């Protein structure tokens, strides 16, 4: 009986704030600086210079996908170079490769690569 109670409690705790991770995939969209996009809706070619400056100065970076979904972009702990290179493409349409995780409604892609969108 005690074991079943402990297992039930463990299952309940594990279900709270569950993180869902996906295998490596890719998404296409515009790289945006989240400070300007979330606060003011700023994006597109007219905002590209500001976006590049913002992300290079530490503002968070996201991907506004072709279907209108906004995801936070993060560096891979093992190799942050693909994330750093992506900063040069703020304001541009790109294909981002990585893995998607979601927790408490927030979607985040750990960047493992990118290329110009076709």
N, C-alpha and C. Protein backbone atom coordinates (compact mmCIF):
# COMPACT_ATOMS: atom_id res chain seq x y z
N UNK A 1 0.83 -1.19 0.00
CA UNK A 1 0.00 0.00 0.00
C UNK A 1 0.88 1.25 0.00
N UNK A 2 1.89 1.25 0.84
CA UNK A 2 2.78 2.40 0.94
C UNK A 2 3.48 2.67 -0.40
N UNK A 3 3.88 1.61 -1.08
CA UNK A 3 4.53 1.75 -2.38
C UNK A 3 3.60 2.38 -3.40
N UNK A 4 2.34 1.97 -3.41
CA UNK A 4 1.37 2.54 -4.36
C UNK A 4 1.14 4.02 -4.08
N UNK A 5 1.09 4.40 -2.84
CA UNK A 5 0.91 5.81 -2.49
C UNK A 5 2.11 6.62 -2.95
N UNK A 6 3.31 6.10 -2.72
CA UNK A 6 4.52 6.80 -3.15
C UNK A 6 4.58 6.91 -4.67
N UNK A 7 4.23 5.85 -5.36
CA UNK A 7 4.21 5.89 -6.82
C UNK A 7 3.17 6.88 -7.34
N UNK A 8 2.02 6.93 -6.72
CA UNK A 8 0.98 7.88 -7.13
C UNK A 8 1.45 9.31 -6.90
N UNK A 9 2.10 9.56 -5.77
CA UNK A 9 2.61 10.90 -5.49
C UNK A 9 3.71 11.29 -6.48
N UNK A 10 4.58 10.34 -6.80
CA UNK A 10 5.65 10.60 -7.75
C UNK A 10 5.08 10.92 -9.13
N UNK A 11 4.08 10.18 -9.55
CA UNK A 11 3.44 10.43 -10.84
C UNK A 11 2.80 11.81 -10.87
N UNK A 12 2.17 12.21 -9.78
CA UNK A 12 1.53 13.51 -9.72
C UNK A 12 2.57 14.63 -9.80
N UNK A 13 3.66 14.50 -9.07
CA UNK A 13 4.72 15.52 -9.09
C UNK A 13 5.34 15.60 -10.48
N UNK A 14 5.56 14.47 -11.11
CA UNK A 14 6.19 14.46 -12.43
C UNK A 14 5.27 15.07 -13.49
N UNK A 15 3.97 15.02 -13.30
CA UNK A 15 3.05 15.57 -14.29
C UNK A 15 2.97 17.09 -14.21
N UNK A 16 3.39 17.68 -13.10
CA UNK A 16 3.38 19.13 -12.96
C UNK A 16 4.57 19.72 -13.71
N UNK A 17 4.31 20.65 -14.59
CA UNK A 17 5.39 21.32 -15.30
C UNK A 17 6.19 20.39 -16.19
N UNK A 18 5.54 19.44 -16.81
CA UNK A 18 6.21 18.48 -17.67
C UNK A 18 6.86 19.17 -18.85
N UNK A 19 8.07 18.79 -19.14
CA UNK A 19 8.77 19.30 -20.30
C UNK A 19 8.64 18.28 -21.42
N UNK A 20 8.22 18.75 -22.58
CA UNK A 20 8.09 17.88 -23.74
C UNK A 20 9.23 18.22 -24.69
N UNK A 21 10.02 17.21 -25.07
CA UNK A 21 11.14 17.44 -25.96
C UNK A 21 10.92 16.64 -27.24
N UNK A 22 11.30 17.24 -28.34
CA UNK A 22 11.17 16.57 -29.64
C UNK A 22 12.56 16.27 -30.18
N UNK A 23 12.62 15.32 -31.09
CA UNK A 23 13.87 15.02 -31.78
C UNK A 23 14.24 16.20 -32.66
N UNK A 24 15.44 16.16 -33.19
CA UNK A 24 15.92 17.22 -34.09
C UNK A 24 14.95 17.42 -35.24
N UNK A 25 14.68 18.69 -35.53
CA UNK A 25 13.76 19.05 -36.60
C UNK A 25 14.20 20.41 -37.16
N UNK A 26 13.37 21.01 -38.01
CA UNK A 26 13.69 22.35 -38.52
C UNK A 26 12.42 23.17 -38.64
N UNK A 27 12.61 24.50 -38.55
CA UNK A 27 11.53 25.46 -38.64
C UNK A 27 11.99 26.61 -39.51
N UNK A 28 11.08 27.17 -40.29
CA UNK A 28 11.40 28.29 -41.16
C UNK A 28 10.64 29.52 -40.70
N UNK A 29 11.35 30.64 -40.67
CA UNK A 29 10.71 31.89 -40.28
C UNK A 29 11.74 33.00 -40.16
N UNK A 30 11.29 34.12 -39.60
CA UNK A 30 12.15 35.28 -39.42
C UNK A 30 12.77 35.28 -38.02
N UNK A 31 14.07 35.52 -37.96
CA UNK A 31 14.75 35.68 -36.68
C UNK A 31 14.41 37.07 -36.17
N UNK A 32 13.83 37.15 -34.97
CA UNK A 32 13.42 38.43 -34.39
C UNK A 32 14.11 38.64 -33.05
N UNK A 33 14.33 39.91 -32.72
CA UNK A 33 14.77 40.19 -31.35
C UNK A 33 13.49 40.35 -30.54
N UNK A 34 13.39 39.59 -29.47
CA UNK A 34 12.14 39.52 -28.72
C UNK A 34 11.79 40.82 -28.01
N UNK A 35 12.79 41.62 -27.63
CA UNK A 35 12.51 42.87 -26.93
C UNK A 35 11.66 43.80 -27.81
N UNK A 36 12.03 43.93 -29.06
CA UNK A 36 11.28 44.81 -29.97
C UNK A 36 10.01 44.15 -30.49
N UNK A 37 10.08 42.85 -30.78
CA UNK A 37 8.92 42.18 -31.37
C UNK A 37 7.77 42.07 -30.36
N UNK A 38 8.05 41.60 -29.16
CA UNK A 38 6.98 41.39 -28.17
C UNK A 38 6.40 42.73 -27.73
N UNK A 39 7.25 43.72 -27.48
CA UNK A 39 6.76 45.00 -26.98
C UNK A 39 6.07 45.84 -28.06
N UNK A 40 6.61 45.79 -29.30
CA UNK A 40 6.14 46.72 -30.33
C UNK A 40 5.74 46.07 -31.65
N UNK A 41 5.89 44.77 -31.77
CA UNK A 41 5.56 44.09 -33.02
C UNK A 41 6.57 44.35 -34.12
N UNK A 42 7.74 44.89 -33.76
CA UNK A 42 8.75 45.26 -34.76
C UNK A 42 9.41 44.02 -35.35
N UNK A 43 9.40 43.94 -36.68
CA UNK A 43 10.08 42.86 -37.40
C UNK A 43 10.11 43.22 -38.87
N UNK A 44 10.71 42.38 -39.67
CA UNK A 44 10.77 42.61 -41.11
C UNK A 44 12.04 43.33 -41.52
N UNK A 45 12.17 43.53 -42.82
CA UNK A 45 13.40 44.10 -43.37
C UNK A 45 13.66 45.51 -42.86
N UNK A 46 12.62 46.30 -42.58
CA UNK A 46 12.82 47.65 -42.05
C UNK A 46 13.40 47.65 -40.65
N UNK A 47 13.26 46.53 -39.95
CA UNK A 47 13.74 46.45 -38.57
C UNK A 47 15.01 45.60 -38.45
N UNK A 48 15.51 45.06 -39.53
CA UNK A 48 16.63 44.12 -39.49
C UNK A 48 17.87 44.70 -38.81
N UNK A 49 18.23 45.94 -39.12
CA UNK A 49 19.41 46.55 -38.51
C UNK A 49 19.29 46.65 -37.01
N UNK A 50 18.14 47.09 -36.54
CA UNK A 50 17.90 47.19 -35.10
C UNK A 50 17.92 45.79 -34.47
N UNK A 51 17.29 44.82 -35.13
CA UNK A 51 17.25 43.45 -34.60
C UNK A 51 18.65 42.88 -34.44
N UNK A 52 19.49 43.07 -35.45
CA UNK A 52 20.87 42.57 -35.37
C UNK A 52 21.61 43.21 -34.20
N UNK A 53 21.46 44.52 -34.06
CA UNK A 53 22.11 45.23 -32.96
C UNK A 53 21.60 44.74 -31.61
N UNK A 54 20.31 44.57 -31.49
CA UNK A 54 19.71 44.14 -30.22
C UNK A 54 20.20 42.75 -29.80
N UNK A 55 20.18 41.78 -30.72
CA UNK A 55 20.58 40.42 -30.33
C UNK A 55 22.08 40.33 -30.06
N UNK A 56 22.88 41.12 -30.80
CA UNK A 56 24.32 41.10 -30.55
C UNK A 56 24.66 41.77 -29.22
N UNK A 57 23.75 42.60 -28.71
CA UNK A 57 23.94 43.25 -27.42
C UNK A 57 23.23 42.51 -26.28
N UNK A 58 22.76 41.30 -26.55
CA UNK A 58 22.24 40.46 -25.48
C UNK A 58 20.74 40.31 -25.36
N UNK A 59 19.97 40.98 -26.22
CA UNK A 59 18.52 40.79 -26.16
C UNK A 59 18.19 39.36 -26.58
N UNK A 60 17.13 38.78 -26.03
CA UNK A 60 16.75 37.41 -26.41
C UNK A 60 16.31 37.36 -27.88
N UNK A 61 16.53 36.21 -28.47
CA UNK A 61 16.26 36.01 -29.89
C UNK A 61 15.18 34.95 -30.06
N UNK A 62 14.30 35.16 -31.02
CA UNK A 62 13.25 34.20 -31.29
C UNK A 62 13.09 33.95 -32.77
N UNK A 63 12.24 33.01 -33.10
CA UNK A 63 11.91 32.71 -34.48
C UNK A 63 10.41 32.87 -34.64
N UNK A 64 10.02 33.77 -35.52
CA UNK A 64 8.62 33.95 -35.88
C UNK A 64 8.39 33.08 -37.11
N UNK A 65 7.77 31.91 -36.89
CA UNK A 65 7.64 30.93 -37.96
C UNK A 65 6.63 31.38 -39.00
N UNK A 66 6.67 30.72 -40.14
CA UNK A 66 5.77 31.06 -41.24
C UNK A 66 4.30 30.95 -40.86
N UNK A 67 3.99 30.10 -39.87
CA UNK A 67 2.59 29.98 -39.46
C UNK A 67 2.23 30.92 -38.31
N UNK A 68 3.15 31.86 -37.96
CA UNK A 68 2.86 32.85 -36.94
C UNK A 68 3.20 32.44 -35.52
N UNK A 69 3.79 31.27 -35.33
CA UNK A 69 4.20 30.82 -34.01
C UNK A 69 5.52 31.48 -33.63
N UNK A 70 5.63 31.93 -32.40
CA UNK A 70 6.86 32.53 -31.91
C UNK A 70 7.52 31.56 -30.95
N UNK A 71 8.78 31.22 -31.22
CA UNK A 71 9.54 30.33 -30.34
C UNK A 71 10.82 31.03 -29.90
N UNK A 72 11.20 30.80 -28.67
CA UNK A 72 12.46 31.32 -28.14
C UNK A 72 13.59 30.47 -28.67
N UNK A 73 14.70 31.10 -29.04
CA UNK A 73 15.87 30.37 -29.52
C UNK A 73 16.92 30.36 -28.41
N UNK A 74 17.60 29.22 -28.26
CA UNK A 74 18.62 29.08 -27.22
C UNK A 74 19.84 28.38 -27.79
N UNK A 75 20.99 28.65 -27.17
CA UNK A 75 22.24 28.01 -27.57
C UNK A 75 22.29 26.59 -27.04
N UNK A 76 22.88 25.71 -27.81
CA UNK A 76 23.14 24.34 -27.38
C UNK A 76 24.30 24.39 -26.39
N UNK A 77 24.15 23.76 -25.24
CA UNK A 77 25.21 23.77 -24.23
C UNK A 77 26.51 23.15 -24.73
N UNK A 78 26.40 22.21 -25.66
CA UNK A 78 27.59 21.53 -26.17
C UNK A 78 28.30 22.34 -27.26
N UNK A 79 27.52 23.13 -28.03
CA UNK A 79 28.09 23.91 -29.12
C UNK A 79 27.22 25.14 -29.37
N UNK A 80 27.60 26.25 -28.82
CA UNK A 80 26.82 27.48 -28.94
C UNK A 80 27.08 28.26 -30.22
N UNK A 81 28.02 27.80 -31.04
CA UNK A 81 28.38 28.54 -32.25
C UNK A 81 27.22 28.71 -33.23
N UNK A 82 26.40 27.68 -33.51
CA UNK A 82 25.28 27.89 -34.43
C UNK A 82 24.32 28.99 -33.96
N UNK A 83 24.10 29.09 -32.65
CA UNK A 83 23.26 30.14 -32.09
C UNK A 83 23.90 31.50 -32.30
N UNK A 84 25.19 31.59 -32.03
CA UNK A 84 25.91 32.86 -32.19
C UNK A 84 25.89 33.30 -33.65
N UNK A 85 26.07 32.38 -34.58
CA UNK A 85 26.05 32.71 -36.01
C UNK A 85 24.67 33.19 -36.45
N UNK A 86 23.63 32.68 -35.81
CA UNK A 86 22.26 33.05 -36.17
C UNK A 86 22.00 34.53 -35.87
N UNK A 87 22.73 35.12 -34.94
CA UNK A 87 22.55 36.53 -34.62
C UNK A 87 22.79 37.42 -35.84
N UNK A 88 23.67 37.00 -36.74
CA UNK A 88 23.93 37.77 -37.96
C UNK A 88 22.73 37.77 -38.90
N UNK A 89 21.75 36.91 -38.66
CA UNK A 89 20.59 36.78 -39.53
C UNK A 89 19.31 37.34 -38.92
N UNK A 90 19.46 38.10 -37.83
CA UNK A 90 18.28 38.75 -37.24
C UNK A 90 17.63 39.63 -38.30
N UNK A 91 16.33 39.49 -38.44
CA UNK A 91 15.59 40.22 -39.46
C UNK A 91 15.49 39.48 -40.77
N UNK A 92 16.19 38.36 -40.90
CA UNK A 92 16.18 37.57 -42.13
C UNK A 92 15.30 36.33 -41.98
N UNK A 93 14.87 35.79 -43.11
CA UNK A 93 14.13 34.53 -43.11
C UNK A 93 15.15 33.40 -43.24
N UNK A 94 15.08 32.45 -42.31
CA UNK A 94 16.03 31.34 -42.26
C UNK A 94 15.32 30.03 -41.92
N UNK A 95 16.05 28.96 -42.12
CA UNK A 95 15.62 27.65 -41.63
C UNK A 95 16.52 27.34 -40.44
N UNK A 96 15.91 27.08 -39.29
CA UNK A 96 16.65 26.79 -38.06
C UNK A 96 16.50 25.31 -37.74
N UNK A 97 17.63 24.65 -37.48
CA UNK A 97 17.61 23.26 -37.08
C UNK A 97 17.87 23.19 -35.57
N UNK A 98 17.23 22.21 -34.93
CA UNK A 98 17.43 22.04 -33.49
C UNK A 98 16.38 21.13 -32.90
N UNK A 99 16.28 21.19 -31.58
CA UNK A 99 15.27 20.38 -30.89
C UNK A 99 14.34 21.30 -30.12
N UNK A 100 13.07 20.96 -30.13
CA UNK A 100 12.02 21.76 -29.50
C UNK A 100 11.70 21.20 -28.13
N UNK A 101 11.59 22.09 -27.15
CA UNK A 101 11.11 21.71 -25.82
C UNK A 101 9.99 22.68 -25.47
N UNK A 102 9.04 22.20 -24.69
CA UNK A 102 7.93 23.05 -24.27
C UNK A 102 7.64 22.80 -22.80
N UNK A 103 7.51 23.88 -22.06
CA UNK A 103 7.19 23.78 -20.64
C UNK A 103 6.33 24.97 -20.26
N UNK A 104 5.24 24.69 -19.58
CA UNK A 104 4.33 25.73 -19.09
C UNK A 104 3.92 26.69 -20.20
N UNK A 105 3.74 26.18 -21.41
CA UNK A 105 3.28 26.98 -22.53
C UNK A 105 4.38 27.68 -23.31
N UNK A 106 5.62 27.63 -22.82
CA UNK A 106 6.72 28.28 -23.53
C UNK A 106 7.42 27.27 -24.42
N UNK A 107 7.63 27.68 -25.67
CA UNK A 107 8.33 26.83 -26.63
C UNK A 107 9.73 27.38 -26.84
N UNK A 108 10.71 26.48 -26.82
CA UNK A 108 12.09 26.88 -27.00
C UNK A 108 12.79 25.89 -27.93
N UNK A 109 13.54 26.43 -28.88
CA UNK A 109 14.31 25.60 -29.80
C UNK A 109 15.78 25.77 -29.46
N UNK A 110 16.45 24.67 -29.17
CA UNK A 110 17.89 24.67 -28.97
C UNK A 110 18.52 24.55 -30.34
N UNK A 111 19.23 25.59 -30.75
CA UNK A 111 19.74 25.72 -32.11
C UNK A 111 20.98 24.86 -32.31
N UNK A 112 20.93 24.02 -33.35
CA UNK A 112 22.09 23.22 -33.73
C UNK A 112 22.61 23.58 -35.11
N UNK A 113 21.85 24.41 -35.85
CA UNK A 113 22.27 24.83 -37.17
C UNK A 113 21.25 25.75 -37.80
N UNK A 114 21.63 26.39 -38.90
CA UNK A 114 20.70 27.23 -39.64
C UNK A 114 21.23 27.43 -41.06
N UNK A 115 20.33 27.83 -41.93
CA UNK A 115 20.70 28.18 -43.30
C UNK A 115 19.66 29.13 -43.85
N UNK A 116 20.03 29.84 -44.91
CA UNK A 116 19.08 30.75 -45.55
C UNK A 116 17.87 29.97 -46.01
N UNK A 117 16.70 30.55 -45.84
CA UNK A 117 15.48 29.87 -46.28
C UNK A 117 15.40 29.88 -47.79
N UNK A 118 14.87 28.79 -48.32
CA UNK A 118 14.74 28.72 -49.78
C UNK A 118 13.39 29.19 -50.24
